[in-house]
């Protein structure tokens, strides 16, 4: 969206537009996440992306640091698959990135098999130089828990933050039923998890030495189709992660679904994949499926919904919540508590 005449760009964007030799008038706000603001700057063929991050608060993940670390490493092992990191401004908490002229995938679109194999190749390349990764990447992936029980606790935490008090009256009943259903699903899943741990089928904690480098929020919702192949973007949640989690998340993220029948291809792309990782995948698939439903229903968390609205005051809150409830209900139909 373009900046309206009576809306001044934020200071970090105006500053870097000047530094890059461009006019403030060339700034165009792009769709960003809930915790950042993204602008395109300049005129073709000289264009850049200016990405600003929220002020860092105590005990909050440093998303800017995570993205910078990942981009520096990815430029070493997978050049051309990610935007080039051009400048870092720690004072203004922003980075300057190469502007990629590409086309986003649309919701519900099915990426081709070639595209999916290209994504898996990117993941493989990220895990070819572990010693270099140890030097350049210091952060764990967002919610990169090494214990299965931590994932279970995180699900309960997300459900516990949900409420209906901030919703339009016509949505209170259906939202309340969904929250109750999530609690029931979580209870049964916890019992199943405990049974697998007691039986010894799976070990709760993963050996940190088995962790992999992961883009974390990895999928075609964060990818662009270009004349030179697929380019991947947005690495605020990247870092060291459980390989089974990285694998499950790639196939479970609902925005641009991938073909689950090609999951076998993943085995050959991960260097340190072993029986323990595959065993963890079975239970993590169910844990993360339920977590994704909770993520979709993040709008039932009053503070989360307020953050979304603060970035776009023109949003129709009722329509947004309705759409999320429909998507979550559909995704919930496919959920099973046990194998």
C-alpha atoms as a PDB file:
ATOM      1  CA  UNK A   1       0.000   0.000   0.000  1.00  0.00           C
ATOM      2  CA  UNK A   2       1.239   3.496  -0.740  1.00  0.00           C
ATOM      3  CA  UNK A   3       1.686   6.119   1.942  1.00  0.00           C
ATOM      4  CA  UNK A   4      -1.150   8.597   2.111  1.00  0.00           C
ATOM      5  CA  UNK A   5      -0.284  12.265   1.765  1.00  0.00           C
ATOM      6  CA  UNK A   6      -1.072  13.036   5.413  1.00  0.00           C
ATOM      7  CA  UNK A   7       0.843  10.025   6.757  1.00  0.00           C
ATOM      8  CA  UNK A   8       4.543  10.565   7.369  1.00  0.00           C
ATOM      9  CA  UNK A   9       6.818   7.523   7.034  1.00  0.00           C
ATOM     10  CA  UNK A  10       8.488   6.328  10.248  1.00  0.00           C
ATOM     11  CA  UNK A  11      11.876   7.852  11.001  1.00  0.00           C
ATOM     12  CA  UNK A  12      13.876   4.713  10.173  1.00  0.00           C
ATOM     13  CA  UNK A  13      12.344   4.506   6.683  1.00  0.00           C
ATOM     14  CA  UNK A  14      12.744   8.218   5.949  1.00  0.00           C
ATOM     15  CA  UNK A  15      16.360   8.124   7.141  1.00  0.00           C
ATOM     16  CA  UNK A  16      17.317   5.210   4.924  1.00  0.00           C
ATOM     17  CA  UNK A  17      15.452   6.519   1.917  1.00  0.00           C
ATOM     18  CA  UNK A  18      17.741   9.551   2.139  1.00  0.00           C
ATOM     19  CA  UNK A  19      20.838   7.401   2.753  1.00  0.00           C
ATOM     20  CA  UNK A  20      20.031   5.348  -0.332  1.00  0.00           C
ATOM     21  CA  UNK A  21      19.654   8.470  -2.437  1.00  0.00           C
ATOM     22  CA  UNK A  22      15.907   8.121  -2.846  1.00  0.00           C
ATOM     23  CA  UNK A  23      12.960  10.344  -2.156  1.00  0.00           C
ATOM     24  CA  UNK A  24      10.551   9.738   0.700  1.00  0.00           C
ATOM     25  CA  UNK A  25       7.864   9.796  -1.965  1.00  0.00           C
ATOM     26  CA  UNK A  26       9.278   6.533  -3.342  1.00  0.00           C
ATOM     27  CA  UNK A  27       8.539   4.719  -0.084  1.00  0.00           C
ATOM     28  CA  UNK A  28       5.766   2.161  -0.352  1.00  0.00           C
ATOM     29  CA  UNK A  29       4.683   0.095   2.627  1.00  0.00           C
ATOM     30  CA  UNK A  30       4.652  -3.619   1.995  1.00  0.00           C
ATOM     31  CA  UNK A  31       2.759  -6.282   3.867  1.00  0.00           C
ATOM     32  CA  UNK A  32       4.763  -7.191   6.955  1.00  0.00           C
ATOM     33  CA  UNK A  33       4.315  -9.299  10.045  1.00  0.00           C
ATOM     34  CA  UNK A  34       2.775  -8.337  13.353  1.00  0.00           C
ATOM     35  CA  UNK A  35       6.118  -7.228  14.779  1.00  0.00           C
ATOM     36  CA  UNK A  36       7.670  -5.265  11.933  1.00  0.00           C
ATOM     37  CA  UNK A  37       7.070  -2.651   9.258  1.00  0.00           C
ATOM     38  CA  UNK A  38       8.424  -3.134   5.748  1.00  0.00           C
ATOM     39  CA  UNK A  39       8.892  -0.549   2.999  1.00  0.00           C
ATOM     40  CA  UNK A  40      10.047  -0.650  -0.583  1.00  0.00           C
ATOM     41  CA  UNK A  41      12.311   2.243  -1.483  1.00  0.00           C
ATOM     42  CA  UNK A  42      13.626   3.696  -4.743  1.00  0.00           C
ATOM     43  CA  UNK A  43      12.689   3.340  -8.369  1.00  0.00           C
ATOM     44  CA  UNK A  44      13.322   0.455 -10.738  1.00  0.00           C
ATOM     45  CA  UNK A  45      16.014  -0.770 -11.298  1.00  0.00           C
ATOM     46  CA  UNK A  46      17.448   0.663  -8.044  1.00  0.00           C
ATOM     47  CA  UNK A  47      15.133  -0.557  -5.330  1.00  0.00           C
ATOM     48  CA  UNK A  48      15.600  -1.802  -1.790  1.00  0.00           C
ATOM     49  CA  UNK A  49      13.571  -3.140   1.132  1.00  0.00           C
ATOM     50  CA  UNK A  50      13.756  -1.333   4.476  1.00  0.00           C
ATOM     51  CA  UNK A  51      12.558  -3.598   7.271  1.00  0.00           C
ATOM     52  CA  UNK A  52      11.977  -2.152  10.736  1.00  0.00           C
ATOM     53  CA  UNK A  53      11.538  -4.193  13.910  1.00  0.00           C
ATOM     54  CA  UNK A  54       9.684  -3.412  17.121  1.00  0.00           C
ATOM     55  CA  UNK A  55      11.721  -2.010  20.037  1.00  0.00           C
ATOM     56  CA  UNK A  56      13.324  -4.845  21.960  1.00  0.00           C
ATOM     57  CA  UNK A  57      11.645  -5.483  25.285  1.00  0.00           C
ATOM     58  CA  UNK A  58      12.909  -7.506  28.223  1.00  0.00           C
ATOM     59  CA  UNK A  59      12.531 -11.283  27.792  1.00  0.00           C
ATOM     60  CA  UNK A  60      11.386 -10.770  24.204  1.00  0.00           C
ATOM     61  CA  UNK A  61      12.934 -12.598  21.264  1.00  0.00           C
ATOM     62  CA  UNK A  62      15.383 -10.444  19.311  1.00  0.00           C
ATOM     63  CA  UNK A  63      13.835 -10.997  15.869  1.00  0.00           C
ATOM     64  CA  UNK A  64      16.219  -8.602  14.172  1.00  0.00           C
ATOM     65  CA  UNK A  65      19.275 -10.452  15.492  1.00  0.00           C
ATOM     66  CA  UNK A  66      17.787 -13.799  14.455  1.00  0.00           C
ATOM     67  CA  UNK A  67      17.148 -12.602  10.904  1.00  0.00           C
ATOM     68  CA  UNK A  68      20.580 -10.974  10.536  1.00  0.00           C
ATOM     69  CA  UNK A  69      22.387 -14.083  11.766  1.00  0.00           C
ATOM     70  CA  UNK A  70      20.414 -16.322   9.451  1.00  0.00           C
ATOM     71  CA  UNK A  71      20.881 -14.112   6.378  1.00  0.00           C
ATOM     72  CA  UNK A  72      24.641 -13.877   6.926  1.00  0.00           C
ATOM     73  CA  UNK A  73      24.910 -17.656   7.110  1.00  0.00           C
ATOM     74  CA  UNK A  74      22.457 -18.329   4.261  1.00  0.00           C
ATOM     75  CA  UNK A  75      24.414 -15.988   1.998  1.00  0.00           C
ATOM     76  CA  UNK A  76      27.402 -18.252   2.599  1.00  0.00           C
ATOM     77  CA  UNK A  77      25.773 -21.642   1.974  1.00  0.00           C
ATOM     78  CA  UNK A  78      22.713 -20.822  -0.177  1.00  0.00           C
ATOM     79  CA  UNK A  79      23.497 -17.639  -2.125  1.00  0.00           C
ATOM     80  CA  UNK A  80      20.744 -16.509  -4.447  1.00  0.00           C
ATOM     81  CA  UNK A  81      17.956 -18.167  -2.496  1.00  0.00           C
ATOM     82  CA  UNK A  82      17.447 -15.283  -0.064  1.00  0.00           C
ATOM     83  CA  UNK A  83      17.569 -11.467  -0.308  1.00  0.00           C
ATOM     84  CA  UNK A  84      21.031  -9.978   0.062  1.00  0.00           C
ATOM     85  CA  UNK A  85      21.621  -8.254   3.399  1.00  0.00           C
ATOM     86  CA  UNK A  86      22.895  -4.779   2.467  1.00  0.00           C
ATOM     87  CA  UNK A  87      23.004  -2.804   5.725  1.00  0.00           C
ATOM     88  CA  UNK A  88      22.205  -3.174   9.435  1.00  0.00           C
ATOM     89  CA  UNK A  89      21.093  -0.258  11.605  1.00  0.00           C
ATOM     90  CA  UNK A  90      21.049  -1.346  15.248  1.00  0.00           C
ATOM     91  CA  UNK A  91      20.237   2.161  16.474  1.00  0.00           C
ATOM     92  CA  UNK A  92      17.026   2.354  14.443  1.00  0.00           C
ATOM     93  CA  UNK A  93      16.431  -1.411  14.593  1.00  0.00           C
ATOM     94  CA  UNK A  94      16.141  -1.926  10.875  1.00  0.00           C
ATOM     95  CA  UNK A  95      17.909  -3.669   8.011  1.00  0.00           C
ATOM     96  CA  UNK A  96      18.266  -2.873   4.330  1.00  0.00           C
ATOM     97  CA  UNK A  97      17.674  -5.803   2.007  1.00  0.00           C
ATOM     98  CA  UNK A  98      17.807  -6.482  -1.697  1.00  0.00           C
ATOM     99  CA  UNK A  99      14.407  -5.943  -3.289  1.00  0.00           C
ATOM    100  CA  UNK A 100      13.239  -9.120  -4.992  1.00  0.00           C
ATOM    101  CA  UNK A 101      10.955  -8.656  -7.953  1.00  0.00           C
ATOM    102  CA  UNK A 102       8.769 -11.723  -7.655  1.00  0.00           C
ATOM    103  CA  UNK A 103       5.256 -13.032  -7.289  1.00  0.00           C
ATOM    104  CA  UNK A 104       3.780 -14.305  -4.050  1.00  0.00           C
ATOM    105  CA  UNK A 105       1.913 -17.583  -3.828  1.00  0.00           C
ATOM    106  CA  UNK A 106      -1.797 -17.108  -3.301  1.00  0.00           C
ATOM    107  CA  UNK A 107      -3.646 -18.694  -0.404  1.00  0.00           C
ATOM    108  CA  UNK A 108      -4.663 -22.238  -1.246  1.00  0.00           C
ATOM    109  CA  UNK A 109      -2.298 -22.420  -4.213  1.00  0.00           C
ATOM    110  CA  UNK A 110      -0.468 -25.724  -4.594  1.00  0.00           C
ATOM    111  CA  UNK A 111       3.251 -25.258  -5.274  1.00  0.00           C
ATOM    112  CA  UNK A 112       4.592 -27.489  -8.026  1.00  0.00           C
ATOM    113  CA  UNK A 113       6.694 -30.543  -7.210  1.00  0.00           C
ATOM    114  CA  UNK A 114       9.726 -28.715  -8.602  1.00  0.00           C
ATOM    115  CA  UNK A 115       9.064 -25.785  -6.280  1.00  0.00           C
ATOM    116  CA  UNK A 116       8.725 -28.098  -3.295  1.00  0.00           C
ATOM    117  CA  UNK A 117      11.941 -29.894  -4.161  1.00  0.00           C
ATOM    118  CA  UNK A 118      13.654 -26.510  -4.467  1.00  0.00           C
ATOM    119  CA  UNK A 119      12.491 -25.645  -0.949  1.00  0.00           C
ATOM    120  CA  UNK A 120      13.856 -28.907   0.391  1.00  0.00           C
ATOM    121  CA  UNK A 121      17.143 -28.329  -1.411  1.00  0.00           C
ATOM    122  CA  UNK A 122      17.383 -24.932   0.310  1.00  0.00           C
ATOM    123  CA  UNK A 123      16.844 -26.652   3.661  1.00  0.00           C
ATOM    124  CA  UNK A 124      19.553 -29.164   2.784  1.00  0.00           C
ATOM    125  CA  UNK A 125      22.021 -26.413   1.833  1.00  0.00           C
ATOM    126  CA  UNK A 126      21.430 -24.726   5.190  1.00  0.00           C
ATOM    127  CA  UNK A 127      22.701 -27.850   6.916  1.00  0.00           C
ATOM    128  CA  UNK A 128      25.840 -28.581   4.905  1.00  0.00           C
ATOM    129  CA  UNK A 129      28.297 -26.502   6.941  1.00  0.00           C
ATOM    130  CA  UNK A 130      27.544 -27.085  10.597  1.00  0.00           C
ATOM    131  CA  UNK A 131      30.808 -25.637  11.917  1.00  0.00           C
ATOM    132  CA  UNK A 132      30.243 -22.364  10.055  1.00  0.00           C
ATOM    133  CA  UNK A 133      26.646 -22.355  11.298  1.00  0.00           C
ATOM    134  CA  UNK A 134      27.845 -22.693  14.905  1.00  0.00           C
ATOM    135  CA  UNK A 135      30.012 -19.598  14.452  1.00  0.00           C
ATOM    136  CA  UNK A 136      27.370 -17.442  12.766  1.00  0.00           C
ATOM    137  CA  UNK A 137      24.087 -18.564  14.358  1.00  0.00           C
ATOM    138  CA  UNK A 138      23.783 -18.170  18.120  1.00  0.00           C
ATOM    139  CA  UNK A 139      20.000 -18.162  18.511  1.00  0.00           C
ATOM    140  CA  UNK A 140      17.553 -21.024  18.724  1.00  0.00           C
ATOM    141  CA  UNK A 141      14.548 -21.032  16.438  1.00  0.00           C
ATOM    142  CA  UNK A 142      11.418 -19.497  17.896  1.00  0.00           C
ATOM    143  CA  UNK A 143       9.781 -22.001  20.247  1.00  0.00           C
ATOM    144  CA  UNK A 144      12.511 -24.446  19.285  1.00  0.00           C
ATOM    145  CA  UNK A 145      11.816 -26.575  22.326  1.00  0.00           C
ATOM    146  CA  UNK A 146      13.979 -29.668  22.750  1.00  0.00           C
ATOM    147  CA  UNK A 147      11.445 -31.383  25.021  1.00  0.00           C
ATOM    148  CA  UNK A 148       8.148 -32.744  23.743  1.00  0.00           C
ATOM    149  CA  UNK A 149       6.546 -31.796  27.045  1.00  0.00           C
ATOM    150  CA  UNK A 150       7.520 -28.155  26.411  1.00  0.00           C
ATOM    151  CA  UNK A 151       5.489 -28.236  23.200  1.00  0.00           C
ATOM    152  CA  UNK A 152       2.541 -29.576  25.193  1.00  0.00           C
ATOM    153  CA  UNK A 153       2.932 -26.782  27.764  1.00  0.00           C
ATOM    154  CA  UNK A 154       3.046 -24.220  24.944  1.00  0.00           C
ATOM    155  CA  UNK A 155      -0.269 -25.485  23.569  1.00  0.00           C
ATOM    156  CA  UNK A 156      -1.920 -25.108  26.967  1.00  0.00           C
ATOM    157  CA  UNK A 157      -0.400 -21.618  27.270  1.00  0.00           C
ATOM    158  CA  UNK A 158      -1.867 -20.556  23.924  1.00  0.00           C
ATOM    159  CA  UNK A 159      -5.305 -21.940  24.759  1.00  0.00           C
ATOM    160  CA  UNK A 160      -5.140 -20.290  28.196  1.00  0.00           C
ATOM    161  CA  UNK A 161      -4.709 -16.881  26.557  1.00  0.00           C
ATOM    162  CA  UNK A 162      -7.864 -17.274  24.489  1.00  0.00           C
ATOM    163  CA  UNK A 163     -11.065 -15.488  25.441  1.00  0.00           C
ATOM    164  CA  UNK A 164     -14.441 -14.524  23.992  1.00  0.00           C
ATOM    165  CA  UNK A 165     -14.974 -11.315  25.969  1.00  0.00           C
ATOM    166  CA  UNK A 166     -13.515  -9.080  23.223  1.00  0.00           C
ATOM    167  CA  UNK A 167     -15.489 -10.618  20.349  1.00  0.00           C
ATOM    168  CA  UNK A 168     -18.655  -9.437  18.607  1.00  0.00           C
ATOM    169  CA  UNK A 169     -21.653 -11.016  20.351  1.00  0.00           C
ATOM    170  CA  UNK A 170     -22.601 -13.171  17.353  1.00  0.00           C
ATOM    171  CA  UNK A 171     -19.223 -14.954  17.544  1.00  0.00           C
ATOM    172  CA  UNK A 172     -19.026 -15.567  21.283  1.00  0.00           C
ATOM    173  CA  UNK A 173     -20.881 -18.894  21.281  1.00  0.00           C
ATOM    174  CA  UNK A 174     -18.995 -20.567  18.421  1.00  0.00           C
ATOM    175  CA  UNK A 175     -15.647 -19.281  19.686  1.00  0.00           C
ATOM    176  CA  UNK A 176     -16.384 -20.576  23.172  1.00  0.00           C
ATOM    177  CA  UNK A 177     -17.182 -24.031  21.783  1.00  0.00           C
ATOM    178  CA  UNK A 178     -13.917 -24.009  19.845  1.00  0.00           C
ATOM    179  CA  UNK A 179     -11.907 -23.165  22.961  1.00  0.00           C
ATOM    180  CA  UNK A 180     -13.608 -26.003  24.860  1.00  0.00           C
ATOM    181  CA  UNK A 181     -12.852 -28.373  21.982  1.00  0.00           C
ATOM    182  CA  UNK A 182      -9.193 -27.338  21.981  1.00  0.00           C
ATOM    183  CA  UNK A 183      -8.940 -27.988  25.711  1.00  0.00           C
ATOM    184  CA  UNK A 184     -10.411 -31.463  25.243  1.00  0.00           C
ATOM    185  CA  UNK A 185      -8.073 -32.237  22.347  1.00  0.00           C
ATOM    186  CA  UNK A 186      -5.096 -31.011  24.373  1.00  0.00           C
ATOM    187  CA  UNK A 187      -6.080 -33.179  27.346  1.00  0.00           C
ATOM    188  CA  UNK A 188      -6.293 -36.348  25.229  1.00  0.00           C
ATOM    189  CA  UNK A 189      -3.060 -35.493  23.408  1.00  0.00           C
ATOM    190  CA  UNK A 190      -1.253 -35.001  26.703  1.00  0.00           C
ATOM    191  CA  UNK A 191      -2.404 -38.459  27.862  1.00  0.00           C
ATOM    192  CA  UNK A 192      -1.155 -39.955  24.595  1.00  0.00           C
ATOM    193  CA  UNK A 193       2.190 -38.171  24.936  1.00  0.00           C
ATOM    194  CA  UNK A 194       2.665 -39.378  28.491  1.00  0.00           C
ATOM    195  CA  UNK A 195       1.892 -42.961  27.421  1.00  0.00           C
ATOM    196  CA  UNK A 196       4.526 -42.859  24.665  1.00  0.00           C
ATOM    197  CA  UNK A 197       7.100 -41.417  27.068  1.00  0.00           C
ATOM    198  CA  UNK A 198       6.392 -44.031  29.760  1.00  0.00           C
ATOM    199  CA  UNK A 199       6.562 -46.876  27.222  1.00  0.00           C
ATOM    200  CA  UNK A 200       9.934 -45.638  25.990  1.00  0.00           C
ATOM    201  CA  UNK A 201       8.718 -45.311  22.407  1.00  0.00           C
ATOM    202  CA  UNK A 202      10.159 -41.811  22.343  1.00  0.00           C
ATOM    203  CA  UNK A 203      12.524 -39.781  24.536  1.00  0.00           C
ATOM    204  CA  UNK A 204      11.282 -36.440  25.835  1.00  0.00           C
ATOM    205  CA  UNK A 205      14.484 -34.418  25.348  1.00  0.00           C
ATOM    206  CA  UNK A 206      16.419 -34.210  22.081  1.00  0.00           C
ATOM    207  CA  UNK A 207      20.221 -34.237  22.113  1.00  0.00           C
ATOM    208  CA  UNK A 208      21.200 -30.621  21.232  1.00  0.00           C
ATOM    209  CA  UNK A 209      23.905 -31.992  18.920  1.00  0.00           C
ATOM    210  CA  UNK A 210      21.142 -33.271  16.642  1.00  0.00           C
ATOM    211  CA  UNK A 211      19.679 -29.802  16.095  1.00  0.00           C
ATOM    212  CA  UNK A 212      19.614 -28.349  12.597  1.00  0.00           C
ATOM    213  CA  UNK A 213      19.571 -24.858  11.120  1.00  0.00           C
ATOM    214  CA  UNK A 214      15.974 -23.962  10.298  1.00  0.00           C
ATOM    215  CA  UNK A 215      14.255 -20.946   8.709  1.00  0.00           C
ATOM    216  CA  UNK A 216      11.531 -21.893  11.229  1.00  0.00           C
ATOM    217  CA  UNK A 217       8.452 -20.188   9.708  1.00  0.00           C
ATOM    218  CA  UNK A 218       9.332 -22.082   6.546  1.00  0.00           C
ATOM    219  CA  UNK A 219       6.911 -22.472   3.679  1.00  0.00           C
ATOM    220  CA  UNK A 220       5.634 -20.944   0.489  1.00  0.00           C
ATOM    221  CA  UNK A 221       3.796 -18.213   2.409  1.00  0.00           C
ATOM    222  CA  UNK A 222       7.313 -16.790   2.841  1.00  0.00           C
ATOM    223  CA  UNK A 223       8.499 -17.330  -0.729  1.00  0.00           C
ATOM    224  CA  UNK A 224       8.495 -15.464  -4.029  1.00  0.00           C
ATOM    225  CA  UNK A 225       8.450 -16.903  -7.545  1.00  0.00           C
ATOM    226  CA  UNK A 226      11.038 -15.189  -9.742  1.00  0.00           C
ATOM    227  CA  UNK A 227      12.601 -15.703 -13.175  1.00  0.00           C
ATOM    228  CA  UNK A 228      15.634 -17.131 -11.336  1.00  0.00           C
ATOM    229  CA  UNK A 229      13.734 -19.597  -9.178  1.00  0.00           C
ATOM    230  CA  UNK A 230      12.167 -19.516  -5.721  1.00  0.00           C
ATOM    231  CA  UNK A 231      13.415 -16.924  -3.247  1.00  0.00           C
ATOM    232  CA  UNK A 232      12.689 -17.264   0.468  1.00  0.00           C
ATOM    233  CA  UNK A 233      12.080 -14.352   2.856  1.00  0.00           C
ATOM    234  CA  UNK A 234      11.312 -13.487   6.499  1.00  0.00           C
ATOM    235  CA  UNK A 235      13.642 -15.214   8.941  1.00  0.00           C
ATOM    236  CA  UNK A 236      12.792 -13.540  12.259  1.00  0.00           C
ATOM    237  CA  UNK A 237      12.071 -16.929  13.837  1.00  0.00           C
ATOM    238  CA  UNK A 238      15.096 -18.771  12.387  1.00  0.00           C
ATOM    239  CA  UNK A 239      17.829 -20.539  14.331  1.00  0.00           C
ATOM    240  CA  UNK A 240      18.770 -23.930  15.731  1.00  0.00           C
ATOM    241  CA  UNK A 241      15.818 -26.301  15.867  1.00  0.00           C
ATOM    242  CA  UNK A 242      14.660 -29.878  16.346  1.00  0.00           C
ATOM    243  CA  UNK A 243      14.825 -31.455  12.843  1.00  0.00           C
ATOM    244  CA  UNK A 244      11.551 -33.293  13.443  1.00  0.00           C
ATOM    245  CA  UNK A 245       9.837 -30.002  14.296  1.00  0.00           C
ATOM    246  CA  UNK A 246      11.284 -28.308  11.202  1.00  0.00           C
ATOM    247  CA  UNK A 247      10.063 -31.169   9.052  1.00  0.00           C
ATOM    248  CA  UNK A 248       6.555 -31.284  10.537  1.00  0.00           C
ATOM    249  CA  UNK A 249       6.086 -27.510  10.427  1.00  0.00           C
ATOM    250  CA  UNK A 250       6.943 -27.360   6.732  1.00  0.00           C
ATOM    251  CA  UNK A 251       4.161 -29.809   5.912  1.00  0.00           C
ATOM    252  CA  UNK A 252       1.624 -28.578   8.477  1.00  0.00           C
ATOM    253  CA  UNK A 253       1.625 -24.807   7.898  1.00  0.00           C
ATOM    254  CA  UNK A 254      -1.848 -24.164   6.468  1.00  0.00           C
ATOM    255  CA  UNK A 255      -1.556 -20.968   4.435  1.00  0.00           C
ATOM    256  CA  UNK A 256       0.086 -22.456   1.312  1.00  0.00           C
ATOM    257  CA  UNK A 257      -0.271 -26.228   1.826  1.00  0.00           C
ATOM    258  CA  UNK A 258       2.321 -28.578   0.391  1.00  0.00           C
ATOM    259  CA  UNK A 259       1.851 -32.140  -0.788  1.00  0.00           C
ATOM    260  CA  UNK A 260       2.260 -34.382   2.267  1.00  0.00           C
ATOM    261  CA  UNK A 261       2.877 -37.333  -0.057  1.00  0.00           C
ATOM    262  CA  UNK A 262       6.382 -36.009  -0.748  1.00  0.00           C
ATOM    263  CA  UNK A 263       7.440 -36.108   2.915  1.00  0.00           C
ATOM    264  CA  UNK A 264       9.749 -39.026   2.065  1.00  0.00           C
ATOM    265  CA  UNK A 265      11.898 -36.598   0.075  1.00  0.00           C
ATOM    266  CA  UNK A 266      12.839 -34.827   3.286  1.00  0.00           C
ATOM    267  CA  UNK A 267      14.842 -37.812   4.558  1.00  0.00           C
ATOM    268  CA  UNK A 268      17.603 -37.356   2.030  1.00  0.00           C
ATOM    269  CA  UNK A 269      17.944 -33.611   2.557  1.00  0.00           C
ATOM    270  CA  UNK A 270      18.823 -33.637   6.248  1.00  0.00           C
ATOM    271  CA  UNK A 271      22.357 -34.795   6.942  1.00  0.00           C
ATOM    272  CA  UNK A 272      21.925 -35.833  10.591  1.00  0.00           C
ATOM    273  CA  UNK A 273      18.497 -37.441  10.227  1.00  0.00           C
ATOM    274  CA  UNK A 274      18.254 -40.730  12.144  1.00  0.00           C
ATOM    275  CA  UNK A 275      15.792 -43.099  13.763  1.00  0.00           C
ATOM    276  CA  UNK A 276      15.373 -40.864  16.828  1.00  0.00           C
ATOM    277  CA  UNK A 277      14.341 -37.935  14.629  1.00  0.00           C
ATOM    278  CA  UNK A 278      11.828 -40.042  12.698  1.00  0.00           C
ATOM    279  CA  UNK A 279      10.371 -41.419  15.940  1.00  0.00           C
ATOM    280  CA  UNK A 280       9.939 -37.918  17.340  1.00  0.00           C
ATOM    281  CA  UNK A 281       8.205 -36.876  14.142  1.00  0.00           C
ATOM    282  CA  UNK A 282       5.265 -39.183  14.858  1.00  0.00           C
ATOM    283  CA  UNK A 283       4.282 -37.447  18.102  1.00  0.00           C
ATOM    284  CA  UNK A 284       5.448 -33.965  17.052  1.00  0.00           C
ATOM    285  CA  UNK A 285       3.150 -34.140  14.042  1.00  0.00           C
ATOM    286  CA  UNK A 286       0.145 -34.259  16.388  1.00  0.00           C
ATOM    287  CA  UNK A 287       1.529 -31.683  18.822  1.00  0.00           C
ATOM    288  CA  UNK A 288       2.317 -29.197  16.085  1.00  0.00           C
ATOM    289  CA  UNK A 289      -0.971 -29.821  14.273  1.00  0.00           C
ATOM    290  CA  UNK A 290      -2.813 -28.726  17.411  1.00  0.00           C
ATOM    291  CA  UNK A 291      -0.401 -25.803  17.853  1.00  0.00           C
ATOM    292  CA  UNK A 292      -1.131 -24.599  14.298  1.00  0.00           C
ATOM    293  CA  UNK A 293      -4.834 -24.571  15.133  1.00  0.00           C
ATOM    294  CA  UNK A 294      -3.991 -22.415  18.152  1.00  0.00           C
ATOM    295  CA  UNK A 295      -1.928 -20.097  15.931  1.00  0.00           C
ATOM    296  CA  UNK A 296      -4.836 -19.721  13.501  1.00  0.00           C
ATOM    297  CA  UNK A 297      -7.038 -18.848  16.474  1.00  0.00           C
ATOM    298  CA  UNK A 298      -4.575 -16.290  17.801  1.00  0.00           C
ATOM    299  CA  UNK A 299      -7.309 -13.696  17.202  1.00  0.00           C
ATOM    300  CA  UNK A 300      -9.072 -15.151  20.255  1.00  0.00           C
ATOM    301  CA  UNK A 301      -6.199 -13.734  22.306  1.00  0.00           C
ATOM    302  CA  UNK A 302      -7.301 -10.122  22.988  1.00  0.00           C
ATOM    303  CA  UNK A 303      -3.767  -8.660  22.997  1.00  0.00           C
ATOM    304  CA  UNK A 304      -2.847 -10.488  19.791  1.00  0.00           C
ATOM    305  CA  UNK A 305      -5.959  -9.182  18.026  1.00  0.00           C
ATOM    306  CA  UNK A 306      -5.198  -5.667  19.234  1.00  0.00           C
ATOM    307  CA  UNK A 307      -1.673  -5.900  17.786  1.00  0.00           C
ATOM    308  CA  UNK A 308      -3.042  -7.021  14.436  1.00  0.00           C
ATOM    309  CA  UNK A 309      -5.570  -4.198  14.421  1.00  0.00           C
ATOM    310  CA  UNK A 310      -2.931  -1.603  15.364  1.00  0.00           C
ATOM    311  CA  UNK A 311      -1.028  -2.397  12.151  1.00  0.00           C
ATOM    312  CA  UNK A 312      -4.124  -2.006   9.985  1.00  0.00           C
ATOM    313  CA  UNK A 313      -6.991  -0.058  11.490  1.00  0.00           C
ATOM    314  CA  UNK A 314      -9.062  -0.608   8.348  1.00  0.00           C
ATOM    315  CA  UNK A 315      -9.389  -4.317   9.103  1.00  0.00           C
ATOM    316  CA  UNK A 316     -12.874  -5.670   9.606  1.00  0.00           C
ATOM    317  CA  UNK A 317     -12.401  -7.427  12.942  1.00  0.00           C
ATOM    318  CA  UNK A 318     -15.577  -9.489  12.667  1.00  0.00           C
ATOM    319  CA  UNK A 319     -14.651 -10.705   9.188  1.00  0.00           C
ATOM    320  CA  UNK A 320     -11.102 -11.553  10.301  1.00  0.00           C
ATOM    321  CA  UNK A 321     -12.257 -13.567  13.323  1.00  0.00           C
ATOM    322  CA  UNK A 322     -14.948 -15.316  11.235  1.00  0.00           C
ATOM    323  CA  UNK A 323     -12.398 -16.399   8.632  1.00  0.00           C
ATOM    324  CA  UNK A 324      -9.993 -17.674  11.286  1.00  0.00           C
ATOM    325  CA  UNK A 325     -12.747 -19.667  13.001  1.00  0.00           C
ATOM    326  CA  UNK A 326     -13.715 -21.270   9.681  1.00  0.00           C
ATOM    327  CA  UNK A 327     -10.105 -22.172   8.883  1.00  0.00           C
ATOM    328  CA  UNK A 328      -9.453 -23.549  12.362  1.00  0.00           C
ATOM    329  CA  UNK A 329     -12.662 -25.604  12.275  1.00  0.00           C
ATOM    330  CA  UNK A 330     -11.607 -27.116   8.947  1.00  0.00           C
ATOM    331  CA  UNK A 331      -8.092 -27.835  10.215  1.00  0.00           C
ATOM    332  CA  UNK A 332      -9.503 -29.354  13.402  1.00  0.00           C
ATOM    333  CA  UNK A 333     -11.472 -31.948  11.426  1.00  0.00           C
ATOM    334  CA  UNK A 334      -8.198 -33.500  10.276  1.00  0.00           C
ATOM    335  CA  UNK A 335      -6.744 -33.664  13.777  1.00  0.00           C
ATOM    336  CA  UNK A 336      -6.310 -36.999  15.534  1.00  0.00           C
ATOM    337  CA  UNK A 337      -5.084 -37.386  19.094  1.00  0.00           C
ATOM    338  CA  UNK A 338      -3.417 -40.745  18.471  1.00  0.00           C
ATOM    339  CA  UNK A 339      -1.869 -42.790  15.682  1.00  0.00           C
END
